C-alpha atoms as a PDB file:
ATOM      1  CA  MET A   1      66.150  25.670 103.204  1.00  0.00           C
ATOM      2  CA  PHE A   2      68.794  27.479 101.293  1.00  0.00           C
ATOM      3  CA  ASP A   3      71.466  29.817 102.532  1.00  0.00           C
ATOM      4  CA  TYR A   4      70.697  33.088 100.666  1.00  0.00           C
ATOM      5  CA  TYR A   5      73.839  34.815 102.425  1.00  0.00           C
ATOM      6  CA  THR A   6      76.165  32.244 100.869  1.00  0.00           C
ATOM      7  CA  ILE A   7      74.391  32.392  97.331  1.00  0.00           C
ATOM      8  CA  SER A   8      74.482  36.270  97.488  1.00  0.00           C
ATOM      9  CA  LYS A   9      78.336  36.313  97.976  1.00  0.00           C
ATOM     10  CA  GLN A  10      78.775  34.054  95.095  1.00  0.00           C
ATOM     11  CA  LEU A  11      76.617  36.243  92.852  1.00  0.00           C
ATOM     12  CA  GLY A  12      79.128  39.222  92.774  1.00  0.00           C
ATOM     13  CA  TYR A  13      77.789  42.333  91.199  1.00  0.00           C
ATOM     14  CA  TYR A  14      74.568  41.755  89.304  1.00  0.00           C
ATOM     15  CA  VAL A  15      71.966  43.527  87.110  1.00  0.00           C
ATOM     16  CA  TYR A  16      68.341  42.773  87.902  1.00  0.00           C
ATOM     17  CA  LEU A  17      64.678  43.767  86.955  1.00  0.00           C
ATOM     18  CA  LEU A  18      61.525  44.141  89.198  1.00  0.00           C
ATOM     19  CA  ILE A  19      58.453  42.892  87.056  1.00  0.00           C
ATOM     20  CA  ASP A  20      54.852  43.387  87.394  1.00  0.00           C
ATOM     21  CA  PRO A  21      53.192  39.910  87.073  1.00  0.00           C
ATOM     22  CA  THR A  22      49.876  41.405  85.690  1.00  0.00           C
ATOM     23  CA  ASP A  23      51.388  42.234  82.457  1.00  0.00           C
ATOM     24  CA  ASN A  24      54.932  40.668  82.834  1.00  0.00           C
ATOM     25  CA  LYS A  25      56.665  44.011  82.241  1.00  0.00           C
ATOM     26  CA  PRO A  26      59.626  45.431  84.042  1.00  0.00           C
ATOM     27  CA  PHE A  27      59.063  48.618  86.064  1.00  0.00           C
ATOM     28  CA  TYR A  28      62.469  48.933  87.548  1.00  0.00           C
ATOM     29  CA  VAL A  29      66.019  48.161  86.501  1.00  0.00           C
ATOM     30  CA  GLY A  30      68.722  48.048  89.119  1.00  0.00           C
ATOM     31  CA  LYS A  31      72.294  46.824  89.812  1.00  0.00           C
ATOM     32  CA  GLY A  32      73.780  45.774  93.033  1.00  0.00           C
ATOM     33  CA  HIS A  33      75.266  43.053  95.323  1.00  0.00           C
ATOM     34  CA  GLY A  34      74.303  40.970  98.241  1.00  0.00           C
ATOM     35  CA  ASN A  35      70.587  41.365  99.005  1.00  0.00           C
ATOM     36  CA  ARG A  36      70.134  44.494  96.942  1.00  0.00           C
ATOM     37  CA  VAL A  37      67.540  42.741  94.540  1.00  0.00           C
ATOM     38  CA  PHE A  38      65.183  42.323  97.634  1.00  0.00           C
ATOM     39  CA  ASP A  39      65.802  45.667  99.333  1.00  0.00           C
ATOM     40  CA  HIS A  40      63.113  47.566  97.477  1.00  0.00           C
ATOM     41  CA  ILE A  41      60.563  45.000  98.798  1.00  0.00           C
ATOM     42  CA  MET A  42      61.658  45.257 102.258  1.00  0.00           C
ATOM     43  CA  CYS A  43      61.669  48.981 102.076  1.00  0.00           C
ATOM     44  CA  ALA A  44      58.041  49.030 100.909  1.00  0.00           C
ATOM     45  CA  ILE A  45      57.079  46.877 103.741  1.00  0.00           C
ATOM     46  CA  GLU A  46      59.035  48.327 106.600  1.00  0.00           C
ATOM     47  CA  ASN A  47      58.608  52.010 105.690  1.00  0.00           C
ATOM     48  CA  PRO A  48      54.979  52.441 104.747  1.00  0.00           C
ATOM     49  CA  GLU A  49      55.295  56.218 105.079  1.00  0.00           C
ATOM     50  CA  GLU A  50      58.031  56.509 102.510  1.00  0.00           C
ATOM     51  CA  LYS A  51      56.711  57.469  99.126  1.00  0.00           C
ATOM     52  CA  SER A  52      58.211  57.058  95.619  1.00  0.00           C
ATOM     53  CA  GLU A  53      56.850  55.893  92.241  1.00  0.00           C
ATOM     54  CA  LYS A  54      58.881  52.683  92.599  1.00  0.00           C
ATOM     55  CA  LEU A  55      57.632  51.870  96.215  1.00  0.00           C
ATOM     56  CA  ASP A  56      54.183  52.835  95.329  1.00  0.00           C
ATOM     57  CA  LYS A  57      54.086  50.350  92.322  1.00  0.00           C
ATOM     58  CA  ILE A  58      55.467  47.577  94.684  1.00  0.00           C
ATOM     59  CA  ARG A  59      52.575  48.293  97.150  1.00  0.00           C
ATOM     60  CA  GLU A  60      49.965  48.430  94.389  1.00  0.00           C
ATOM     61  CA  ILE A  61      51.225  45.042  92.945  1.00  0.00           C
ATOM     62  CA  GLY A  62      51.716  43.497  96.505  1.00  0.00           C
ATOM     63  CA  PRO A  63      55.196  43.024  97.705  1.00  0.00           C
ATOM     64  CA  GLU A  64      54.753  39.260  97.740  1.00  0.00           C
ATOM     65  CA  ASN A  65      53.701  39.293  93.956  1.00  0.00           C
ATOM     66  CA  VAL A  66      56.732  41.333  92.498  1.00  0.00           C
ATOM     67  CA  LYS A  67      58.837  39.155  90.364  1.00  0.00           C
ATOM     68  CA  HIS A  68      62.523  39.482  90.612  1.00  0.00           C
ATOM     69  CA  VAL A  69      64.864  38.595  87.464  1.00  0.00           C
ATOM     70  CA  VAL A  70      68.596  38.717  87.575  1.00  0.00           C
ATOM     71  CA  LEU A  71      69.671  39.471  83.987  1.00  0.00           C
ATOM     72  CA  THR A  72      73.498  38.728  84.681  1.00  0.00           C
ATOM     73  CA  HIS A  73      75.664  38.232  87.666  1.00  0.00           C
ATOM     74  CA  GLY A  74      79.284  37.339  88.452  1.00  0.00           C
ATOM     75  CA  LEU A  75      80.328  40.622  87.458  1.00  0.00           C
ATOM     76  CA  LYS A  76      83.815  41.785  89.076  1.00  0.00           C
ATOM     77  CA  THR A  77      83.051  45.386  89.618  1.00  0.00           C
ATOM     78  CA  GLU A  78      80.270  47.839  90.083  1.00  0.00           C
ATOM     79  CA  ASP A  79      81.362  49.629  86.966  1.00  0.00           C
ATOM     80  CA  GLU A  80      80.565  46.413  84.915  1.00  0.00           C
ATOM     81  CA  ALA A  81      77.134  46.374  86.463  1.00  0.00           C
ATOM     82  CA  PHE A  82      76.501  49.966  85.784  1.00  0.00           C
ATOM     83  CA  ARG A  83      77.510  49.564  82.026  1.00  0.00           C
ATOM     84  CA  ILE A  84      74.977  46.768  81.650  1.00  0.00           C
ATOM     85  CA  GLU A  85      72.145  48.372  83.647  1.00  0.00           C
ATOM     86  CA  ALA A  86      72.647  51.582  81.597  1.00  0.00           C
ATOM     87  CA  ILE A  87      72.294  49.430  78.403  1.00  0.00           C
ATOM     88  CA  VAL A  88      69.213  47.440  79.609  1.00  0.00           C
ATOM     89  CA  ILE A  89      67.464  50.701  80.515  1.00  0.00           C
ATOM     90  CA  ASP A  90      68.226  52.204  77.077  1.00  0.00           C
ATOM     91  CA  LEU A  91      67.082  49.075  75.490  1.00  0.00           C
ATOM     92  CA  LEU A  92      63.873  49.037  77.244  1.00  0.00           C
ATOM     93  CA  ARG A  93      63.023  52.710  76.391  1.00  0.00           C
ATOM     94  CA  PHE A  94      63.902  52.172  72.761  1.00  0.00           C
ATOM     95  CA  LEU A  95      61.587  49.264  72.537  1.00  0.00           C
ATOM     96  CA  GLY A  96      58.713  51.333  73.940  1.00  0.00           C
ATOM     97  CA  CYS A  97      58.627  50.147  77.573  1.00  0.00           C
ATOM     98  CA  GLN A  98      57.460  52.963  79.844  1.00  0.00           C
ATOM     99  CA  LEU A  99      59.417  52.294  83.191  1.00  0.00           C
ATOM    100  CA  GLU A 100      57.103  53.356  85.923  1.00  0.00           C
ATOM    101  CA  THR A 101      59.849  54.481  88.200  1.00  0.00           C
ATOM    102  CA  THR A 102      61.777  57.730  88.101  1.00  0.00           C
ATOM    103  CA  LEU A 103      65.202  56.362  88.258  1.00  0.00           C
ATOM    104  CA  THR A 104      68.280  58.393  89.219  1.00  0.00           C
ATOM    105  CA  ASN A 105      70.047  56.877  86.126  1.00  0.00           C
ATOM    106  CA  LYS A 106      66.804  57.878  84.159  1.00  0.00           C
ATOM    107  CA  GLN A 107      69.088  58.607  80.812  1.00  0.00           C
ATOM    108  CA  GLY A 108      71.100  55.636  81.330  1.00  0.00           C
ATOM    109  CA  GLY A 109      73.703  57.093  83.792  1.00  0.00           C
ATOM    110  CA  VAL A 110      76.735  59.321  83.504  1.00  0.00           C
ATOM    111  CA  HIS A 111      78.424  59.131  80.175  1.00  0.00           C
ATOM    112  CA  SER A 112      75.845  56.455  78.896  1.00  0.00           C
ATOM    113  CA  HIS A 113      75.468  58.440  75.799  1.00  0.00           C
ATOM    114  CA  GLN A 114      78.865  57.296  74.827  1.00  0.00           C
ATOM    115  CA  ILE A 115      78.548  53.479  76.068  1.00  0.00           C
ATOM    116  CA  SER A 116      74.977  52.410  75.618  1.00  0.00           C
ATOM    117  CA  LEU A 117      72.523  51.701  72.895  1.00  0.00           C
ATOM    118  CA  MET A 118      72.933  53.735  69.698  1.00  0.00           C
ATOM    119  CA  THR A 119      71.536  53.750  66.256  1.00  0.00           C
ATOM    120  CA  THR A 120      74.006  53.593  63.270  1.00  0.00           C
ATOM    121  CA  ASP A 121      73.296  57.359  62.671  1.00  0.00           C
ATOM    122  CA  GLU A 122      74.285  58.025  66.444  1.00  0.00           C
ATOM    123  CA  ILE A 123      77.445  56.020  65.897  1.00  0.00           C
ATOM    124  CA  ILE A 124      78.457  57.894  62.834  1.00  0.00           C
ATOM    125  CA  ARG A 125      77.908  61.074  64.723  1.00  0.00           C
ATOM    126  CA  LEU A 126      79.865  60.131  67.584  1.00  0.00           C
ATOM    127  CA  TYR A 127      83.064  58.878  65.699  1.00  0.00           C
ATOM    128  CA  ASN A 128      82.860  60.747  62.511  1.00  0.00           C
ATOM    129  CA  ALA A 129      81.897  64.254  63.860  1.00  0.00           C
ATOM    130  CA  LYS A 130      83.938  67.226  62.422  1.00  0.00           C
ATOM    131  CA  PRO A 131      84.379  70.287  64.571  1.00  0.00           C
ATOM    132  CA  LEU A 132      81.771  73.158  63.838  1.00  0.00           C
ATOM    133  CA  ASN A 133      84.107  76.293  63.954  1.00  0.00           C
ATOM    134  CA  HIS A 134      81.639  78.776  62.665  1.00  0.00           C
ATOM    135  CA  ILE A 135      77.896  79.302  62.518  1.00  0.00           C
ATOM    136  CA  SER A 136      76.005  81.966  60.784  1.00  0.00           C
ATOM    137  CA  THR A 137      74.533  84.918  62.953  1.00  0.00           C
ATOM    138  CA  ASP A 138      71.071  84.000  61.928  1.00  0.00           C
ATOM    139  CA  CYS A 139      71.330  80.514  63.785  1.00  0.00           C
ATOM    140  CA  VAL A 140      71.027  79.515  67.398  1.00  0.00           C
ATOM    141  CA  VAL A 141      71.997  76.375  69.026  1.00  0.00           C
ATOM    142  CA  ILE A 142      69.528  74.602  71.542  1.00  0.00           C
ATOM    143  CA  ASN A 143      70.796  71.709  73.705  1.00  0.00           C
ATOM    144  CA  ILE A 144      68.182  69.039  74.217  1.00  0.00           C
ATOM    145  CA  ASN A 145      70.145  66.667  76.447  1.00  0.00           C
ATOM    146  CA  GLY A 146      67.450  66.219  78.858  1.00  0.00           C
ATOM    147  CA  LEU A 147      64.693  65.566  76.204  1.00  0.00           C
ATOM    148  CA  TYR A 148      66.602  63.376  73.830  1.00  0.00           C
ATOM    149  CA  GLU A 149      65.971  59.689  73.539  1.00  0.00           C
ATOM    150  CA  ARG A 150      67.617  56.941  71.504  1.00  0.00           C
ATOM    151  CA  GLY A 151      66.528  56.459  67.973  1.00  0.00           C
ATOM    152  CA  MET A 152      64.670  59.810  67.685  1.00  0.00           C
ATOM    153  CA  ASP A 153      63.815  60.645  64.178  1.00  0.00           C
ATOM    154  CA  SER A 154      63.739  64.366  62.790  1.00  0.00           C
ATOM    155  CA  ASP A 155      60.188  64.898  63.851  1.00  0.00           C
ATOM    156  CA  ARG A 156      60.683  63.896  67.467  1.00  0.00           C
ATOM    157  CA  ILE A 157      63.750  65.923  67.558  1.00  0.00           C
ATOM    158  CA  TYR A 158      61.676  68.890  66.388  1.00  0.00           C
ATOM    159  CA  GLN A 159      59.089  68.404  69.007  1.00  0.00           C
ATOM    160  CA  ALA A 160      61.980  68.216  71.659  1.00  0.00           C
ATOM    161  CA  THR A 161      63.509  71.371  70.149  1.00  0.00           C
ATOM    162  CA  LYS A 162      60.586  73.788  69.337  1.00  0.00           C
ATOM    163  CA  GLU A 163      59.608  75.166  72.745  1.00  0.00           C
ATOM    164  CA  ALA A 164      60.049  76.897  75.111  1.00  0.00           C
ATOM    165  CA  TRP A 165      63.290  78.734  75.669  1.00  0.00           C
ATOM    166  CA  LYS A 166      64.233  81.888  77.204  1.00  0.00           C
ATOM    167  CA  ILE A 167      65.425  83.940  74.158  1.00  0.00           C
ATOM    168  CA  GLY A 168      65.174  87.666  74.029  1.00  0.00           C
ATOM    169  CA  LYS A 169      62.487  88.976  71.675  1.00  0.00           C
ATOM    170  CA  MET A 170      64.994  90.927  69.842  1.00  0.00           C
ATOM    171  CA  ARG A 171      66.802  87.853  69.138  1.00  0.00           C
ATOM    172  CA  THR A 172      64.051  86.035  67.723  1.00  0.00           C
ATOM    173  CA  SER A 173      63.622  88.659  64.945  1.00  0.00           C
ATOM    174  CA  THR A 174      67.111  87.641  63.608  1.00  0.00           C
ATOM    175  CA  ILE A 175      67.137  83.941  64.142  1.00  0.00           C
ATOM    176  CA  LYS A 176      66.223  81.995  61.091  1.00  0.00           C
ATOM    177  CA  TYR A 177      67.603  78.576  61.948  1.00  0.00           C
ATOM    178  CA  VAL A 178      67.711  76.314  65.068  1.00  0.00           C
ATOM    179  CA  LEU A 179      70.356  73.743  65.544  1.00  0.00           C
ATOM    180  CA  SER A 180      69.442  70.951  67.836  1.00  0.00           C
ATOM    181  CA  GLU A 181      72.288  69.837  69.836  1.00  0.00           C
ATOM    182  CA  TYR A 182      72.895  66.482  71.967  1.00  0.00           C
ATOM    183  CA  HIS A 183      76.125  66.291  74.058  1.00  0.00           C
ATOM    184  CA  GLY A 184      77.983  68.549  71.809  1.00  0.00           C
ATOM    185  CA  LEU A 185      76.866  66.948  68.556  1.00  0.00           C
ATOM    186  CA  ILE A 186      74.385  68.805  66.211  1.00  0.00           C
ATOM    187  CA  ILE A 187      71.804  66.125  65.312  1.00  0.00           C
ATOM    188  CA  GLU A 188      69.204  68.088  63.360  1.00  0.00           C
ATOM    189  CA  VAL A 189      68.653  71.548  61.743  1.00  0.00           C
ATOM    190  CA  PHE A 190      65.377  73.458  61.446  1.00  0.00           C
ATOM    191  CA  LYS A 191      64.128  76.400  59.532  1.00  0.00           C
ATOM    192  CA  VAL A 192      61.963  78.668  61.621  1.00  0.00           C
ATOM    193  CA  GLU A 193      58.878  79.832  59.904  1.00  0.00           C
ATOM    194  CA  GLU A 194      57.685  81.706  63.022  1.00  0.00           C
ATOM    195  CA  TRP A 195      58.518  82.266  66.742  1.00  0.00           C
ATOM    196  CA  TYR A 196      55.780  82.550  69.221  1.00  0.00           C
ATOM    197  CA  PRO A 197      55.646  83.547  73.022  1.00  0.00           C
ATOM    198  CA  VAL A 198      55.139  80.892  75.886  1.00  0.00           C
ATOM    199  CA  GLU A 199      54.299  82.082  79.383  1.00  0.00           C
ATOM    200  CA  ARG A 200      56.411  80.212  81.857  1.00  0.00           C
ATOM    201  CA  THR A 201      56.982  80.319  85.664  1.00  0.00           C
ATOM    202  CA  TYR A 202      60.391  80.365  87.428  1.00  0.00           C
ATOM    203  CA  GLY A 203      61.161  77.116  89.303  1.00  0.00           C
ATOM    204  CA  VAL A 204      61.347  76.662  93.080  1.00  0.00           C
ATOM    205  CA  LYS A 205      65.041  76.878  93.140  1.00  0.00           C
ATOM    206  CA  CYS A 206      65.319  80.166  91.503  1.00  0.00           C
ATOM    207  CA  LYS A 207      65.364  83.447  93.239  1.00  0.00           C
ATOM    208  CA  LYS A 208      62.269  84.524  91.062  1.00  0.00           C
ATOM    209  CA  ALA A 209      60.475  81.497  92.101  1.00  0.00           C
ATOM    210  CA  GLY A 210      56.750  81.671  91.114  1.00  0.00           C
ATOM    211  CA  GLU A 211      57.185  84.832  88.946  1.00  0.00           C
ATOM    212  CA  LYS A 212      55.960  84.610  85.272  1.00  0.00           C
ATOM    213  CA  TYR A 213      58.256  85.282  82.348  1.00  0.00           C
ATOM    214  CA  THR A 214      58.087  84.994  78.513  1.00  0.00           C
ATOM    215  CA  ALA A 215      59.876  82.307  76.723  1.00  0.00           C
ATOM    216  CA  PHE A 216      59.625  81.403  73.029  1.00  0.00           C
ATOM    217  CA  GLY A 217      58.962  78.506  70.841  1.00  0.00           C
ATOM    218  CA  PHE A 218      59.000  78.214  66.939  1.00  0.00           C
ATOM    219  CA  ASN A 219      57.156  76.559  64.273  1.00  0.00           C
ATOM    220  CA  GLY A 220      59.289  75.303  61.395  1.00  0.00           C
ATOM    221  CA  HIS A 221      60.670  72.280  59.392  1.00  0.00           C
ATOM    222  CA  VAL A 222      63.917  70.619  58.561  1.00  0.00           C
ATOM    223  CA  ALA A 223      66.123  73.066  56.915  1.00  0.00           C
ATOM    224  CA  GLU A 224      66.981  72.741  53.106  1.00  0.00           C
ATOM    225  CA  ASP A 225      70.051  70.604  52.311  1.00  0.00           C
ATOM    226  CA  SER A 226      72.295  73.625  51.600  1.00  0.00           C
ATOM    227  CA  ILE A 227      71.872  74.893  55.030  1.00  0.00           C
ATOM    228  CA  ARG A 228      71.448  71.613  56.790  1.00  0.00           C
ATOM    229  CA  ASP A 229      74.637  70.093  55.268  1.00  0.00           C
ATOM    230  CA  LEU A 230      76.732  72.743  56.977  1.00  0.00           C
ATOM    231  CA  TYR A 231      75.899  71.794  60.496  1.00  0.00           C
ATOM    232  CA  ILE A 232      74.542  68.300  60.675  1.00  0.00           C
ATOM    233  CA  ASN A 233      76.683  65.717  62.517  1.00  0.00           C
ATOM    234  CA  LYS A 234      79.343  68.490  63.385  1.00  0.00           C
ATOM    235  CA  SER A 235      80.744  68.810  66.988  1.00  0.00           C
ATOM    236  CA  ILE A 236      80.597  71.927  69.051  1.00  0.00           C
ATOM    237  CA  ALA A 237      81.901  70.099  72.190  1.00  0.00           C
ATOM    238  CA  ASN A 238      85.025  72.157  72.345  1.00  0.00           C
ATOM    239  CA  LYS A 239      83.088  75.360  72.080  1.00  0.00           C
ATOM    240  CA  LYS A 240      81.198  74.951  75.342  1.00  0.00           C
ATOM    241  CA  LYS A 241      82.275  75.439  78.935  1.00  0.00           C
ATOM    242  CA  LYS A 242      81.998  72.487  81.260  1.00  0.00           C
ATOM    243  CA  GLY A 243      79.129  72.569  83.521  1.00  0.00           C
ATOM    244  CA  ARG A 244      77.312  75.216  81.387  1.00  0.00           C
ATOM    245  CA  ALA A 245      73.641  75.205  82.370  1.00  0.00           C
ATOM    246  CA  ASN A 246      72.183  77.510  79.678  1.00  0.00           C
ATOM    247  CA  PRO A 247      70.802  75.400  76.831  1.00  0.00           C
ATOM    248  CA  ILE A 248      70.993  78.362  74.512  1.00  0.00           C
ATOM    249  CA  SER A 249      74.363  79.010  72.387  1.00  0.00           C
ATOM    250  CA  TYR A 250      74.347  81.910  70.175  1.00  0.00           C
ATOM    251  CA  ALA A 251      76.664  82.276  67.042  1.00  0.00           C
ATOM    252  CA  ASP A 252      78.650  85.181  68.471  1.00  0.00           C
ATOM    253  CA  SER A 253      79.832  83.043  71.592  1.00  0.00           C
ATOM    254  CA  ILE A 254      80.636  79.981  69.432  1.00  0.00           C
ATOM    255  CA  ASN A 255      82.495  82.089  66.693  1.00  0.00           C
ATOM    256  CA  LYS A 256      84.320  84.197  69.311  1.00  0.00           C
ATOM    257  CA  LEU A 257      85.713  80.948  71.111  1.00  0.00           C
ATOM    258  CA  HIS A 258      86.992  79.694  67.738  1.00  0.00           C
ATOM    259  CA  ASN A 259      88.832  82.907  67.144  1.00  0.00           C
ATOM    260  CA  LYS A 260      90.753  82.792  70.395  1.00  0.00           C
END
């Protein structure tokens, strides 16, 4: 009989996987120390009323059947474990693994867009981005932080950008180009062929929860090089207020900030 308490103390911080033995694929990536790697199993057994995708998956597999793999251990700090966890999550998603659990660090964690998996194009954008001080009034910037995934090509960026946004109908009559933004960087530029209405419902956290409103999407394609080259891989990070929730940035607001 081994002394797991003694072993766990020697592990330090570590990063682990929970694996479904039926297909040998991971469904959860975690970091922790001590007995953390087994806490999910105990929670699924001892709290049958508690629901989450992760716990439901464990119960479906059978708690006794879940495989546990420690990817690395002996880490000195939680921050080290966090960075490795973020890299593993991004790598699995990049390779096409569909993690079954909705993780609190679903996108890799805070600031993981700077420390985790990147394509060479993304590295170039991050470290070679020149500031974008002016955009034409026939352009709009749309932030897709919540929709972007590592290694997206132009077609997938287009699908993430095309709908649906709360833009005034009058605005759509003048906007000819859409600049896709990810963490302050312009990652693609699209020429709009047409705008179309999309009916949406206000979310539960909004004062108008349940009410309908009209948003807009667009059909289009990657902009011609003469326009695309003006904006692609440029940074507007210094043109946005911290904590800004609105994904839409218009030319007048960006140009105004530059002129101050």
